[in-house]
Amino acid sequence: MAYVLQNQIAEADRRLAAEGRRGEEFVRTSILQPLADVVRVEVD
């Protein structure tokens, strides 16, 4: 899990640098939401 998260953070950094303000949507949809879904599944 930690390896996947590190990869997602690295990808987010690259996209944020390339996209500027639009990168915020990427962070929400590609990282935060899937991570929240995983946490919800593990808790449920």
C-alpha atoms as a PDB file:
ATOM      1  CA  MET A   1       0.000   0.000   0.000  1.00  0.00           C
ATOM      2  CA  ALA A   2       2.777   2.454   0.908  1.00  0.00           C
ATOM      3  CA  TYR A   3       4.520   1.854  -2.439  1.00  0.00           C
ATOM      4  CA  VAL A   4       1.313   2.574  -4.358  1.00  0.00           C
ATOM      5  CA  LEU A   5       0.720   5.730  -2.350  1.00  0.00           C
ATOM      6  CA  GLN A   6       4.281   6.924  -2.984  1.00  0.00           C
ATOM      7  CA  ASN A   7       3.781   6.389  -6.717  1.00  0.00           C
ATOM      8  CA  GLN A   8       0.514   8.310  -6.649  1.00  0.00           C
ATOM      9  CA  ILE A   9       2.147  11.213  -4.811  1.00  0.00           C
ATOM     10  CA  ALA A  10       5.013  11.312  -7.320  1.00  0.00           C
ATOM     11  CA  GLU A  11       2.550  11.312 -10.213  1.00  0.00           C
ATOM     12  CA  ALA A  12       0.546  14.086  -8.561  1.00  0.00           C
ATOM     13  CA  ASP A  13       3.697  16.167  -8.160  1.00  0.00           C
ATOM     14  CA  ARG A  14       4.489  15.780 -11.869  1.00  0.00           C
ATOM     15  CA  ARG A  15       0.971  16.658 -12.948  1.00  0.00           C
ATOM     16  CA  LEU A  16       0.657  19.593 -10.584  1.00  0.00           C
ATOM     17  CA  ALA A  17       3.875  21.037 -11.951  1.00  0.00           C
ATOM     18  CA  ALA A  18       2.611  20.580 -15.512  1.00  0.00           C
ATOM     19  CA  GLU A  19      -0.990  21.701 -15.016  1.00  0.00           C
ATOM     20  CA  GLY A  20      -0.831  24.391 -12.367  1.00  0.00           C
ATOM     21  CA  ARG A  21      -4.259  25.162 -10.911  1.00  0.00           C
ATOM     22  CA  ARG A  22      -5.984  22.411 -12.885  1.00  0.00           C
ATOM     23  CA  GLY A  23      -3.838  19.925 -10.980  1.00  0.00           C
ATOM     24  CA  GLU A  24      -6.010  20.404  -7.912  1.00  0.00           C
ATOM     25  CA  GLU A  25      -8.826  18.470  -9.585  1.00  0.00           C
ATOM     26  CA  PHE A  26      -6.383  15.692 -10.447  1.00  0.00           C
ATOM     27  CA  VAL A  27      -5.334  15.410  -6.801  1.00  0.00           C
ATOM     28  CA  ARG A  28      -8.954  15.126  -5.697  1.00  0.00           C
ATOM     29  CA  THR A  29     -10.083  12.618  -8.298  1.00  0.00           C
ATOM     30  CA  SER A  30      -6.977  10.507  -8.762  1.00  0.00           C
ATOM     31  CA  ILE A  31      -5.504  10.392  -5.274  1.00  0.00           C
ATOM     32  CA  LEU A  32      -7.736  11.592  -2.481  1.00  0.00           C
ATOM     33  CA  GLN A  33     -10.985   9.946  -3.577  1.00  0.00           C
ATOM     34  CA  PRO A  34      -9.477   6.503  -4.277  1.00  0.00           C
ATOM     35  CA  LEU A  35      -7.560   6.693  -1.000  1.00  0.00           C
ATOM     36  CA  ALA A  36     -10.748   7.590   0.866  1.00  0.00           C
ATOM     37  CA  ASP A  37     -12.510   4.654  -0.821  1.00  0.00           C
ATOM     38  CA  VAL A  38      -9.777   2.265   0.333  1.00  0.00           C
ATOM     39  CA  VAL A  39      -9.935   3.574   3.883  1.00  0.00           C
ATOM     40  CA  ARG A  40     -13.730   3.213   3.900  1.00  0.00           C
ATOM     41  CA  VAL A  41     -13.504  -0.388   2.658  1.00  0.00           C
ATOM     42  CA  GLU A  42     -10.905  -1.302   5.277  1.00  0.00           C
ATOM     43  CA  VAL A  43     -12.967   0.274   8.063  1.00  0.00           C
ATOM     44  CA  ASP A  44     -16.252  -1.271   6.950  1.00  0.00           C
END
